[in-house]
């Protein structure tokens, strides 16, 4: 998503010089009309599962991880960065 934002010149400066996060890139792509509302919400849902997995939070289910992997592959296939 970072490369997509950079390719479309959608990267915005962040106050306090904190590095941009996935949510920032998602918002920038939405504001730049690169993502629809549905796509933006889908990225948010994928990010939520990914965050749960990354932090090894209890309650994460195998089917959620399988869903995430499938959805990320599909998302990347539909939105190649050239």
C-alpha atoms as a PDB file:
ATOM      1  CA  UNK A   1       0.000   0.000   0.000  1.00  0.00           C
ATOM      2  CA  UNK A   2       2.970   2.274   0.652  1.00  0.00           C
ATOM      3  CA  UNK A   3       4.259   1.739  -2.887  1.00  0.00           C
ATOM      4  CA  UNK A   4       0.765   2.289  -4.288  1.00  0.00           C
ATOM      5  CA  UNK A   5       0.490   5.602  -2.417  1.00  0.00           C
ATOM      6  CA  UNK A   6       3.942   6.636  -3.565  1.00  0.00           C
ATOM      7  CA  UNK A   7       3.184   5.697  -7.187  1.00  0.00           C
ATOM      8  CA  UNK A   8       0.028   7.834  -7.088  1.00  0.00           C
ATOM      9  CA  UNK A   9       1.719  10.665  -5.123  1.00  0.00           C
ATOM     10  CA  UNK A  10      -0.737  10.251  -2.257  1.00  0.00           C
ATOM     11  CA  UNK A  11       1.714  10.171   0.643  1.00  0.00           C
ATOM     12  CA  UNK A  12       0.963  12.928   3.126  1.00  0.00           C
ATOM     13  CA  UNK A  13       3.287  14.362   5.745  1.00  0.00           C
ATOM     14  CA  UNK A  14       2.528  13.139   9.259  1.00  0.00           C
ATOM     15  CA  UNK A  15       2.673  15.464  12.232  1.00  0.00           C
ATOM     16  CA  UNK A  16       5.240  14.476  14.822  1.00  0.00           C
ATOM     17  CA  UNK A  17       7.232  12.527  12.227  1.00  0.00           C
ATOM     18  CA  UNK A  18       5.658   9.198  13.231  1.00  0.00           C
ATOM     19  CA  UNK A  19       6.028   6.654  10.460  1.00  0.00           C
ATOM     20  CA  UNK A  20       2.950   6.036   8.366  1.00  0.00           C
ATOM     21  CA  UNK A  21       0.962   2.943   9.250  1.00  0.00           C
ATOM     22  CA  UNK A  22      -1.306   0.722   7.177  1.00  0.00           C
ATOM     23  CA  UNK A  23      -4.333   2.741   8.272  1.00  0.00           C
ATOM     24  CA  UNK A  24      -2.709   5.925   6.960  1.00  0.00           C
ATOM     25  CA  UNK A  25      -2.040   4.382   3.556  1.00  0.00           C
ATOM     26  CA  UNK A  26      -5.574   3.007   3.457  1.00  0.00           C
ATOM     27  CA  UNK A  27      -7.027   6.468   4.156  1.00  0.00           C
ATOM     28  CA  UNK A  28      -4.786   8.174   1.611  1.00  0.00           C
ATOM     29  CA  UNK A  29      -5.786   5.693  -1.086  1.00  0.00           C
ATOM     30  CA  UNK A  30      -9.447   6.232  -0.229  1.00  0.00           C
ATOM     31  CA  UNK A  31      -9.113  10.027  -0.224  1.00  0.00           C
ATOM     32  CA  UNK A  32      -7.252   9.795  -3.542  1.00  0.00           C
ATOM     33  CA  UNK A  33     -10.167   7.812  -5.040  1.00  0.00           C
ATOM     34  CA  UNK A  34      -8.011   4.715  -5.475  1.00  0.00           C
ATOM     35  CA  UNK A  35     -10.197   2.665  -3.105  1.00  0.00           C
ATOM     36  CA  UNK A  36     -13.957   2.583  -2.692  1.00  0.00           C
ATOM     37  CA  UNK A  37     -15.550   2.678   0.752  1.00  0.00           C
ATOM     38  CA  UNK A  38     -16.071  -1.093   0.548  1.00  0.00           C
ATOM     39  CA  UNK A  39     -12.421  -1.682  -0.343  1.00  0.00           C
ATOM     40  CA  UNK A  40     -11.252   0.613   2.445  1.00  0.00           C
ATOM     41  CA  UNK A  41     -13.417  -1.261   4.985  1.00  0.00           C
ATOM     42  CA  UNK A  42     -12.143  -4.581   3.645  1.00  0.00           C
ATOM     43  CA  UNK A  43      -8.542  -3.463   4.197  1.00  0.00           C
ATOM     44  CA  UNK A  44      -9.498  -2.407   7.743  1.00  0.00           C
ATOM     45  CA  UNK A  45     -10.959  -5.876   8.399  1.00  0.00           C
ATOM     46  CA  UNK A  46      -7.834  -7.584   7.054  1.00  0.00           C
ATOM     47  CA  UNK A  47      -5.634  -5.290   9.142  1.00  0.00           C
ATOM     48  CA  UNK A  48      -7.599  -6.108  12.295  1.00  0.00           C
ATOM     49  CA  UNK A  49      -7.029  -9.842  11.857  1.00  0.00           C
ATOM     50  CA  UNK A  50      -3.387  -9.230  10.961  1.00  0.00           C
ATOM     51  CA  UNK A  51      -2.893  -7.116  14.068  1.00  0.00           C
ATOM     52  CA  UNK A  52      -4.451  -9.805  16.253  1.00  0.00           C
ATOM     53  CA  UNK A  53      -2.115 -12.385  14.712  1.00  0.00           C
ATOM     54  CA  UNK A  54       0.962 -10.164  14.951  1.00  0.00           C
ATOM     55  CA  UNK A  55       0.383  -9.584  18.653  1.00  0.00           C
ATOM     56  CA  UNK A  56      -0.574 -13.203  19.329  1.00  0.00           C
ATOM     57  CA  UNK A  57      -3.778 -12.149  21.020  1.00  0.00           C
ATOM     58  CA  UNK A  58      -5.937 -14.906  22.480  1.00  0.00           C
ATOM     59  CA  UNK A  59      -9.028 -15.947  20.605  1.00  0.00           C
ATOM     60  CA  UNK A  60      -7.508 -15.885  17.135  1.00  0.00           C
ATOM     61  CA  UNK A  61      -8.895 -18.756  15.106  1.00  0.00           C
ATOM     62  CA  UNK A  62      -7.238 -20.709  12.323  1.00  0.00           C
ATOM     63  CA  UNK A  63     -10.083 -19.908   9.946  1.00  0.00           C
ATOM     64  CA  UNK A  64      -9.472 -16.176  10.493  1.00  0.00           C
ATOM     65  CA  UNK A  65      -5.824 -16.566   9.515  1.00  0.00           C
ATOM     66  CA  UNK A  66      -6.819 -18.648   6.487  1.00  0.00           C
ATOM     67  CA  UNK A  67      -9.334 -15.961   5.534  1.00  0.00           C
ATOM     68  CA  UNK A  68      -6.678 -13.252   5.881  1.00  0.00           C
ATOM     69  CA  UNK A  69      -4.188 -15.088   3.706  1.00  0.00           C
ATOM     70  CA  UNK A  70      -6.795 -15.729   1.008  1.00  0.00           C
ATOM     71  CA  UNK A  71      -8.069 -12.144   1.076  1.00  0.00           C
ATOM     72  CA  UNK A  72      -4.614 -10.546   0.984  1.00  0.00           C
ATOM     73  CA  UNK A  73      -3.653 -12.661  -2.022  1.00  0.00           C
ATOM     74  CA  UNK A  74      -6.890 -11.749  -3.788  1.00  0.00           C
ATOM     75  CA  UNK A  75      -6.509  -8.047  -2.931  1.00  0.00           C
ATOM     76  CA  UNK A  76      -2.949  -7.960  -4.242  1.00  0.00           C
ATOM     77  CA  UNK A  77      -3.983  -9.823  -7.382  1.00  0.00           C
ATOM     78  CA  UNK A  78      -6.688  -7.273  -8.116  1.00  0.00           C
ATOM     79  CA  UNK A  79      -4.519  -4.258  -7.268  1.00  0.00           C
ATOM     80  CA  UNK A  80      -1.061  -4.817  -8.717  1.00  0.00           C
ATOM     81  CA  UNK A  81       1.424  -2.027  -8.226  1.00  0.00           C
ATOM     82  CA  UNK A  82       3.224  -1.179 -11.444  1.00  0.00           C
END
